[in-house]
Amino acid sequence: MYIDKKVIVCYVITMESNILSKLSKYLFWDCNIDMLDPNIDKNLILERVFSRGTENDEKEIFSYYGRDIIKNSILGIKYLDKKTLNYLSIVFNIPREEFRCYKQSLLKNPFGIF
């Protein structure tokens, strides 16, 4: 059986760009959406969707990345606003203290006022 590698590569690229085309355009108003890679820019995409996206955007992200990948990735995001941090903490049942952005906020404010 012969498998054309060019077809597979084109299919993968189409699938990757397809997820970005399904998300709300205003989320990436400051980015060239054609230059974003869903795998390389995963943290940016997740931060924008959870901070400013719609429920449909979240559904698309969950269907594309899966719950486990999202759960592992959001822990490493450098900045999340308080509301988004609390939301993700509840949705994924992860203590706020495990998020990188929470730890960084404590470094900036050692008295723990978040």
C-alpha atoms as a PDB file:
ATOM      1  CA  MET A   1       0.000   0.000   0.000  1.00  0.00           C
ATOM      2  CA  TYR A   2       1.378   3.379  -1.027  1.00  0.00           C
ATOM      3  CA  ILE A   3       0.799   6.415   1.212  1.00  0.00           C
ATOM      4  CA  ASP A   4       1.507   9.829  -0.235  1.00  0.00           C
ATOM      5  CA  LYS A   5       3.358  11.826   2.450  1.00  0.00           C
ATOM      6  CA  LYS A   6       2.455  15.131   0.800  1.00  0.00           C
ATOM      7  CA  VAL A   7      -1.239  14.403   1.236  1.00  0.00           C
ATOM      8  CA  ILE A   8      -0.744  13.565   4.913  1.00  0.00           C
ATOM      9  CA  VAL A   9       1.249  16.753   5.532  1.00  0.00           C
ATOM     10  CA  CYS A  10      -1.378  18.857   3.750  1.00  0.00           C
ATOM     11  CA  TYR A  11      -4.114  17.182   5.788  1.00  0.00           C
ATOM     12  CA  VAL A  12      -2.307  17.904   9.082  1.00  0.00           C
ATOM     13  CA  ILE A  13      -1.700  21.546   8.126  1.00  0.00           C
ATOM     14  CA  THR A  14      -5.332  21.921   7.113  1.00  0.00           C
ATOM     15  CA  MET A  15      -6.508  20.440  10.414  1.00  0.00           C
ATOM     16  CA  GLU A  16      -4.226  22.754  12.408  1.00  0.00           C
ATOM     17  CA  SER A  17      -5.286  25.910  10.625  1.00  0.00           C
ATOM     18  CA  ASN A  18      -8.883  24.723  10.753  1.00  0.00           C
ATOM     19  CA  ILE A  19      -9.015  24.992  14.571  1.00  0.00           C
ATOM     20  CA  LEU A  20      -7.945  28.636  14.442  1.00  0.00           C
ATOM     21  CA  SER A  21     -10.549  29.406  11.810  1.00  0.00           C
ATOM     22  CA  LYS A  22     -13.246  27.990  14.111  1.00  0.00           C
ATOM     23  CA  LEU A  23     -12.352  30.336  16.979  1.00  0.00           C
ATOM     24  CA  SER A  24     -13.659  33.885  17.381  1.00  0.00           C
ATOM     25  CA  LYS A  25     -11.629  36.274  15.224  1.00  0.00           C
ATOM     26  CA  TYR A  26     -11.439  38.994  17.884  1.00  0.00           C
ATOM     27  CA  LEU A  27      -9.332  36.728  20.120  1.00  0.00           C
ATOM     28  CA  PHE A  28      -6.346  37.176  17.829  1.00  0.00           C
ATOM     29  CA  TRP A  29      -6.893  40.754  16.653  1.00  0.00           C
ATOM     30  CA  ASP A  30      -3.223  41.586  17.268  1.00  0.00           C
ATOM     31  CA  CYS A  31      -1.792  38.457  15.637  1.00  0.00           C
ATOM     32  CA  ASN A  32      -1.427  37.234  12.097  1.00  0.00           C
ATOM     33  CA  ILE A  33      -3.608  34.149  12.464  1.00  0.00           C
ATOM     34  CA  ASP A  34      -1.855  32.516   9.499  1.00  0.00           C
ATOM     35  CA  MET A  35       1.423  32.621  11.426  1.00  0.00           C
ATOM     36  CA  LEU A  36       0.054  30.917  14.552  1.00  0.00           C
ATOM     37  CA  ASP A  37       0.777  27.244  15.010  1.00  0.00           C
ATOM     38  CA  PRO A  38      -1.740  25.451  17.264  1.00  0.00           C
ATOM     39  CA  ASN A  39       1.021  23.301  18.763  1.00  0.00           C
ATOM     40  CA  ILE A  40       3.748  25.905  19.218  1.00  0.00           C
ATOM     41  CA  ASP A  41       1.399  28.713  20.298  1.00  0.00           C
ATOM     42  CA  LYS A  42      -0.818  26.511  22.446  1.00  0.00           C
ATOM     43  CA  ASN A  43      -0.441  28.593  25.625  1.00  0.00           C
ATOM     44  CA  LEU A  44      -1.319  31.813  23.803  1.00  0.00           C
ATOM     45  CA  ILE A  45      -4.385  30.209  22.248  1.00  0.00           C
ATOM     46  CA  LEU A  46      -5.540  28.693  25.545  1.00  0.00           C
ATOM     47  CA  GLU A  47      -5.012  31.936  27.454  1.00  0.00           C
ATOM     48  CA  ARG A  48      -7.014  33.936  24.913  1.00  0.00           C
ATOM     49  CA  VAL A  49      -9.851  31.419  24.688  1.00  0.00           C
ATOM     50  CA  PHE A  50     -10.282  30.993  28.437  1.00  0.00           C
ATOM     51  CA  SER A  51      -9.842  34.697  29.212  1.00  0.00           C
ATOM     52  CA  ARG A  52     -11.940  36.218  26.439  1.00  0.00           C
ATOM     53  CA  GLY A  53     -13.516  33.445  24.404  1.00  0.00           C
ATOM     54  CA  THR A  54     -17.058  32.211  24.133  1.00  0.00           C
ATOM     55  CA  GLU A  55     -18.481  28.895  25.227  1.00  0.00           C
ATOM     56  CA  ASN A  56     -18.239  27.702  21.615  1.00  0.00           C
ATOM     57  CA  ASP A  57     -14.546  28.645  21.546  1.00  0.00           C
ATOM     58  CA  GLU A  58     -13.980  26.531  24.650  1.00  0.00           C
ATOM     59  CA  LYS A  59     -15.814  23.580  23.103  1.00  0.00           C
ATOM     60  CA  GLU A  60     -13.616  23.810  19.993  1.00  0.00           C
ATOM     61  CA  ILE A  61     -10.466  23.906  22.110  1.00  0.00           C
ATOM     62  CA  PHE A  62     -11.551  20.892  24.163  1.00  0.00           C
ATOM     63  CA  SER A  63     -12.365  18.907  21.049  1.00  0.00           C
ATOM     64  CA  TYR A  64      -9.038  19.804  19.401  1.00  0.00           C
ATOM     65  CA  TYR A  65      -6.547  19.457  22.285  1.00  0.00           C
ATOM     66  CA  GLY A  66      -8.401  17.222  24.732  1.00  0.00           C
ATOM     67  CA  ARG A  67      -8.840  17.727  28.454  1.00  0.00           C
ATOM     68  CA  ASP A  68      -5.489  16.232  29.555  1.00  0.00           C
ATOM     69  CA  ILE A  69      -3.351  18.344  27.218  1.00  0.00           C
ATOM     70  CA  ILE A  70      -5.242  21.487  28.211  1.00  0.00           C
ATOM     71  CA  LYS A  71      -4.898  20.656  31.900  1.00  0.00           C
ATOM     72  CA  ASN A  72      -1.127  20.228  31.605  1.00  0.00           C
ATOM     73  CA  SER A  73      -0.693  23.300  29.421  1.00  0.00           C
ATOM     74  CA  ILE A  74      -2.663  25.797  31.496  1.00  0.00           C
ATOM     75  CA  LEU A  75      -0.441  25.127  34.496  1.00  0.00           C
ATOM     76  CA  GLY A  76       2.463  26.717  32.611  1.00  0.00           C
ATOM     77  CA  ILE A  77       0.751  29.869  31.340  1.00  0.00           C
ATOM     78  CA  LYS A  78       2.652  32.943  32.557  1.00  0.00           C
ATOM     79  CA  TYR A  79      -0.342  35.236  33.057  1.00  0.00           C
ATOM     80  CA  LEU A  80      -4.015  34.672  33.784  1.00  0.00           C
ATOM     81  CA  ASP A  81      -6.320  37.256  35.313  1.00  0.00           C
ATOM     82  CA  LYS A  82      -7.854  36.371  38.699  1.00  0.00           C
ATOM     83  CA  LYS A  83     -11.241  35.449  37.311  1.00  0.00           C
ATOM     84  CA  THR A  84      -9.796  33.105  34.670  1.00  0.00           C
ATOM     85  CA  LEU A  85      -7.402  31.537  37.166  1.00  0.00           C
ATOM     86  CA  ASN A  86     -10.255  30.791  39.578  1.00  0.00           C
ATOM     87  CA  TYR A  87     -12.445  29.469  36.758  1.00  0.00           C
ATOM     88  CA  LEU A  88      -9.748  27.086  35.500  1.00  0.00           C
ATOM     89  CA  SER A  89      -8.942  26.015  39.039  1.00  0.00           C
ATOM     90  CA  ILE A  90     -12.570  24.962  39.523  1.00  0.00           C
ATOM     91  CA  VAL A  91     -13.098  23.408  36.080  1.00  0.00           C
ATOM     92  CA  PHE A  92      -9.965  21.268  36.276  1.00  0.00           C
ATOM     93  CA  ASN A  93     -10.020  20.758  40.053  1.00  0.00           C
ATOM     94  CA  ILE A  94      -6.485  22.111  40.424  1.00  0.00           C
ATOM     95  CA  PRO A  95      -5.471  24.282  43.400  1.00  0.00           C
ATOM     96  CA  ARG A  96      -4.566  27.843  42.357  1.00  0.00           C
ATOM     97  CA  GLU A  97      -1.169  27.407  43.981  1.00  0.00           C
ATOM     98  CA  GLU A  98      -0.128  24.923  41.271  1.00  0.00           C
ATOM     99  CA  PHE A  99      -0.492  27.452  38.444  1.00  0.00           C
ATOM    100  CA  ARG A 100       2.676  29.165  37.275  1.00  0.00           C
ATOM    101  CA  CYS A 101       0.916  32.524  37.042  1.00  0.00           C
ATOM    102  CA  TYR A 102      -0.140  32.290  40.696  1.00  0.00           C
ATOM    103  CA  LYS A 103       3.408  31.493  41.807  1.00  0.00           C
ATOM    104  CA  GLN A 104       4.725  34.449  39.790  1.00  0.00           C
ATOM    105  CA  SER A 105       2.167  36.763  41.357  1.00  0.00           C
ATOM    106  CA  LEU A 106       3.413  35.708  44.793  1.00  0.00           C
ATOM    107  CA  LEU A 107       6.978  36.517  43.778  1.00  0.00           C
ATOM    108  CA  LYS A 108       5.881  40.013  42.792  1.00  0.00           C
ATOM    109  CA  ASN A 109       3.755  40.361  45.921  1.00  0.00           C
ATOM    110  CA  PRO A 110       5.236  38.224  48.702  1.00  0.00           C
ATOM    111  CA  PHE A 111       2.437  39.085  51.133  1.00  0.00           C
ATOM    112  CA  GLY A 112       0.042  36.928  49.151  1.00  0.00           C
ATOM    113  CA  ILE A 113      -2.486  39.585  48.252  1.00  0.00           C
ATOM    114  CA  PHE A 114      -3.609  38.376  44.842  1.00  0.00           C
END
